[in-house]
């Protein structure tokens, strides 16, 4: 299964999480399980419109990501020691630039996701006295083996937000931490942000 399709599936599930509108914040496993079908149906219904206007698709997905993913916290984890001394604006700038780079490369793959795709929850494991939760799931497709995807949530106020995704044992945070550590050894954080925005810095897991 190509990294491009895996990222698209993750974007789909992030969108599914964000689509929840319950007045009481649901638990992470329920969020992942209950909303997947709704968003896959939305992608199917708007497939032609999104195919005709890729910017509309990227804007749609980014809006969903902004509601469910703790992007500044994830960015700090990716930057690791390079986040020390960085301003809030720099952390947010890096988070935005990384998200935009991912969307430019992978959002259009949503158009190829099989509408028969489903997600099955395997387990939910509380961590750090219940302030974090690891939700283990399997992405089930009509063709091909199921894909193991674990979501790392943390509680933020009354909400649960995703800060890492682990696909077949490979962490989103760790993958990009390894990549950007090399970049930040020779460039400033502002230079890396500018490189991501311009496309000069390309993500290593592109297909």
Protein backbone atom coordinates (compact mmCIF):
# COMPACT_ATOMS: atom_id res chain seq x y z
CA UNK A 1 0.00 0.00 0.00
CA UNK A 2 1.62 3.26 -1.10
CA UNK A 3 2.40 6.11 1.34
CA UNK A 4 0.18 8.33 -0.81
CA UNK A 5 -2.91 6.18 -0.25
CA UNK A 6 -2.10 5.67 3.44
CA UNK A 7 -1.90 9.43 3.96
CA UNK A 8 -5.18 9.86 2.12
CA UNK A 9 -6.85 7.31 4.37
CA UNK A 10 -5.48 9.11 7.42
CA UNK A 11 -6.80 12.42 6.12
CA UNK A 12 -10.18 10.77 5.61
CA UNK A 13 -10.24 9.50 9.17
CA UNK A 14 -9.05 12.84 10.58
CA UNK A 15 -11.94 14.42 8.71
CA UNK A 16 -14.27 11.80 10.14
CA UNK A 17 -13.16 12.64 13.65
CA UNK A 18 -13.70 16.35 13.06
CA UNK A 19 -17.20 15.79 11.70
CA UNK A 20 -18.57 14.86 15.12
CA UNK A 21 -21.12 17.39 16.38
CA UNK A 22 -22.18 15.83 19.68
CA UNK A 23 -22.73 18.31 22.53
CA UNK A 24 -20.86 16.06 24.95
CA UNK A 25 -17.34 15.24 23.84
CA UNK A 26 -17.30 11.56 22.77
CA UNK A 27 -14.48 9.20 23.66
CA UNK A 28 -11.78 8.76 21.00
CA UNK A 29 -12.78 5.24 19.93
CA UNK A 30 -16.39 6.31 19.36
CA UNK A 31 -15.24 9.34 17.38
CA UNK A 32 -13.13 7.24 15.01
CA UNK A 33 -15.75 4.52 14.62
CA UNK A 34 -18.96 6.51 14.29
CA UNK A 35 -17.94 9.26 11.89
CA UNK A 36 -15.95 7.41 9.24
CA UNK A 37 -18.95 6.48 7.12
CA UNK A 38 -20.32 10.02 7.16
CA UNK A 39 -17.15 11.54 5.75
CA UNK A 40 -16.56 8.78 3.20
CA UNK A 41 -20.11 9.44 2.00
CA UNK A 42 -19.32 13.17 1.78
CA UNK A 43 -16.19 12.49 -0.28
CA UNK A 44 -18.18 10.21 -2.57
CA UNK A 45 -20.96 12.78 -3.00
CA UNK A 46 -18.51 15.57 -3.87
CA UNK A 47 -15.94 13.51 -5.74
CA UNK A 48 -16.58 15.18 -9.11
CA UNK A 49 -16.53 18.70 -7.63
CA UNK A 50 -13.32 17.98 -5.76
CA UNK A 51 -11.72 16.43 -8.83
CA UNK A 52 -12.55 19.55 -10.82
CA UNK A 53 -11.22 21.86 -8.11
CA UNK A 54 -8.30 20.39 -6.11
CA UNK A 55 -7.99 23.58 -4.07
CA UNK A 56 -11.54 23.06 -2.83
CA UNK A 57 -10.62 19.55 -1.71
CA UNK A 58 -7.49 20.72 0.12
CA UNK A 59 -9.42 23.53 1.80
CA UNK A 60 -12.11 21.07 2.91
CA UNK A 61 -9.62 18.63 4.40
CA UNK A 62 -7.56 21.35 6.10
CA UNK A 63 -10.67 22.74 7.76
CA UNK A 64 -11.40 19.29 9.18
CA UNK A 65 -7.81 18.80 10.34
CA UNK A 66 -7.82 22.13 12.14
CA UNK A 67 -10.74 20.94 14.25
CA UNK A 68 -9.32 17.60 15.35
CA UNK A 69 -5.54 17.58 15.25
CA UNK A 70 -3.44 19.32 17.87
CA UNK A 71 -1.09 20.59 15.18
CA UNK A 72 1.01 22.93 17.36
CA UNK A 73 1.66 20.13 19.87
CA UNK A 74 2.46 17.67 17.06
CA UNK A 75 4.78 20.27 15.53
CA UNK A 76 6.63 20.63 18.83
CA UNK A 77 7.09 16.86 18.98
CA UNK A 78 8.36 16.80 15.39
CA UNK A 79 10.79 19.65 16.05
CA UNK A 80 11.93 18.07 19.35
CA UNK A 81 15.03 19.92 20.63
CA UNK A 82 14.76 22.41 17.77
CA UNK A 83 11.54 23.74 19.34
CA UNK A 84 13.49 25.09 22.31
CA UNK A 85 13.45 28.85 22.16
CA UNK A 86 11.05 28.90 19.21
CA UNK A 87 8.20 31.40 19.43
CA UNK A 88 4.53 30.45 19.37
CA UNK A 89 4.34 32.04 15.93
CA UNK A 90 7.21 29.89 14.65
CA UNK A 91 5.67 26.69 16.01
CA UNK A 92 2.33 27.55 14.42
CA UNK A 93 4.07 28.55 11.19
CA UNK A 94 5.87 25.21 11.03
CA UNK A 95 2.63 23.34 11.78
CA UNK A 96 0.82 25.21 8.99
CA UNK A 97 3.64 24.72 6.49
CA UNK A 98 3.89 20.98 7.20
CA UNK A 99 0.12 20.54 6.91
CA UNK A 100 -0.02 22.46 3.64
CA UNK A 101 2.86 20.40 2.24
CA UNK A 102 1.09 17.16 3.15
CA UNK A 103 -2.14 18.37 1.57
CA UNK A 104 -0.46 19.44 -1.66
CA UNK A 105 1.05 15.97 -2.03
CA UNK A 106 -1.66 13.67 -0.71
CA UNK A 107 -5.13 15.25 -0.53
CA UNK A 108 -6.01 14.39 -4.11
CA UNK A 109 -5.50 10.69 -3.28
CA UNK A 110 -8.77 10.89 -1.34
CA UNK A 111 -10.50 10.81 -4.69
CA UNK A 112 -9.21 7.28 -5.22
CA UNK A 113 -10.24 5.90 -1.81
CA UNK A 114 -12.66 2.99 -2.22
CA UNK A 115 -16.11 3.96 -0.86
CA UNK A 116 -16.20 0.47 0.67
CA UNK A 117 -13.37 1.43 3.04
CA UNK A 118 -14.23 0.93 6.70
CA UNK A 119 -12.50 1.18 10.07
CA UNK A 120 -12.64 -1.34 12.89
CA UNK A 121 -11.60 -0.47 16.43
CA UNK A 122 -9.30 -3.07 18.02
CA UNK A 123 -8.67 -1.47 21.41
CA UNK A 124 -8.44 1.74 23.42
CA UNK A 125 -5.63 2.10 25.94
CA UNK A 126 -5.64 4.97 28.48
CA UNK A 127 -2.23 6.51 29.16
CA UNK A 128 -0.84 9.07 31.60
CA UNK A 129 -3.68 8.76 34.11
CA UNK A 130 -6.30 8.99 31.40
CA UNK A 131 -5.05 12.25 29.92
CA UNK A 132 -3.97 10.42 26.76
CA UNK A 133 -5.51 7.58 24.81
CA UNK A 134 -4.14 5.21 22.18
CA UNK A 135 -6.83 3.91 19.83
CA UNK A 136 -5.79 0.89 17.77
CA UNK A 137 -7.75 0.44 14.55
CA UNK A 138 -7.71 -1.47 11.30
CA UNK A 139 -8.53 0.11 7.95
CA UNK A 140 -10.47 -2.50 6.01
CA UNK A 141 -10.60 -2.30 2.22
CA UNK A 142 -12.40 -4.28 -0.45
CA UNK A 143 -9.05 -5.25 -1.94
CA UNK A 144 -5.85 -5.79 0.01
CA UNK A 145 -4.96 -6.61 3.57
CA UNK A 146 -6.22 -4.47 6.45
CA UNK A 147 -3.91 -1.64 7.48
CA UNK A 148 -3.09 -1.18 11.16
CA UNK A 149 -3.47 2.45 12.25
CA UNK A 150 -3.14 3.65 15.84
CA UNK A 151 -4.20 7.15 16.87
CA UNK A 152 -2.62 8.99 19.79
CA UNK A 153 -5.08 11.38 21.43
CA UNK A 154 -4.59 13.80 24.28
CA UNK A 155 -7.20 15.58 26.29
CA UNK A 156 -7.30 19.34 25.81
CA UNK A 157 -10.02 20.92 27.90
CA UNK A 158 -13.23 19.07 27.10
CA UNK A 159 -11.93 17.80 23.75
CA UNK A 160 -9.79 14.92 22.55
CA UNK A 161 -7.25 15.87 19.89
CA UNK A 162 -4.94 13.72 17.77
CA UNK A 163 -1.22 14.44 18.01
CA UNK A 164 0.30 11.36 16.37
CA UNK A 165 -0.70 8.57 14.01
CA UNK A 166 1.14 5.26 13.81
CA UNK A 167 0.70 3.33 10.55
CA UNK A 168 1.92 -0.26 10.57
CA UNK A 169 4.23 0.65 13.45
CA UNK A 170 5.59 3.83 11.83
CA UNK A 171 4.93 7.06 13.72
CA UNK A 172 4.00 10.25 11.86
CA UNK A 173 5.84 12.30 14.50
CA UNK A 174 8.97 10.16 14.47
CA UNK A 175 9.10 10.03 10.66
CA UNK A 176 9.13 13.80 10.30
CA UNK A 177 11.29 14.33 13.38
CA UNK A 178 14.02 12.29 11.70
CA UNK A 179 13.65 14.24 8.46
CA UNK A 180 13.59 17.73 9.92
CA UNK A 181 16.36 17.11 12.42
CA UNK A 182 18.74 16.92 9.47
CA UNK A 183 17.27 20.04 7.89
CA UNK A 184 17.46 22.03 11.12
CA UNK A 185 21.08 21.16 11.72
CA UNK A 186 22.04 23.37 8.79
CA UNK A 187 19.10 25.81 8.51
CA UNK A 188 17.15 28.03 10.86
CA UNK A 189 13.55 27.19 11.69
CA UNK A 190 12.37 30.18 9.65
CA UNK A 191 14.36 28.92 6.64
CA UNK A 192 12.80 25.46 6.97
CA UNK A 193 9.31 26.95 7.19
CA UNK A 194 9.97 29.03 4.07
CA UNK A 195 11.37 25.96 2.28
CA UNK A 196 8.24 23.94 3.05
CA UNK A 197 5.97 26.75 1.90
CA UNK A 198 7.83 27.19 -1.38
CA UNK A 199 8.13 23.47 -2.07
CA UNK A 200 11.93 23.62 -1.91
CA UNK A 201 11.83 21.16 1.00
CA UNK A 202 9.98 18.03 -0.04
CA UNK A 203 8.68 15.35 2.30
CA UNK A 204 10.68 12.13 2.10
CA UNK A 205 7.69 9.80 2.09
CA UNK A 206 6.24 11.15 -1.17
CA UNK A 207 5.27 8.51 -3.70
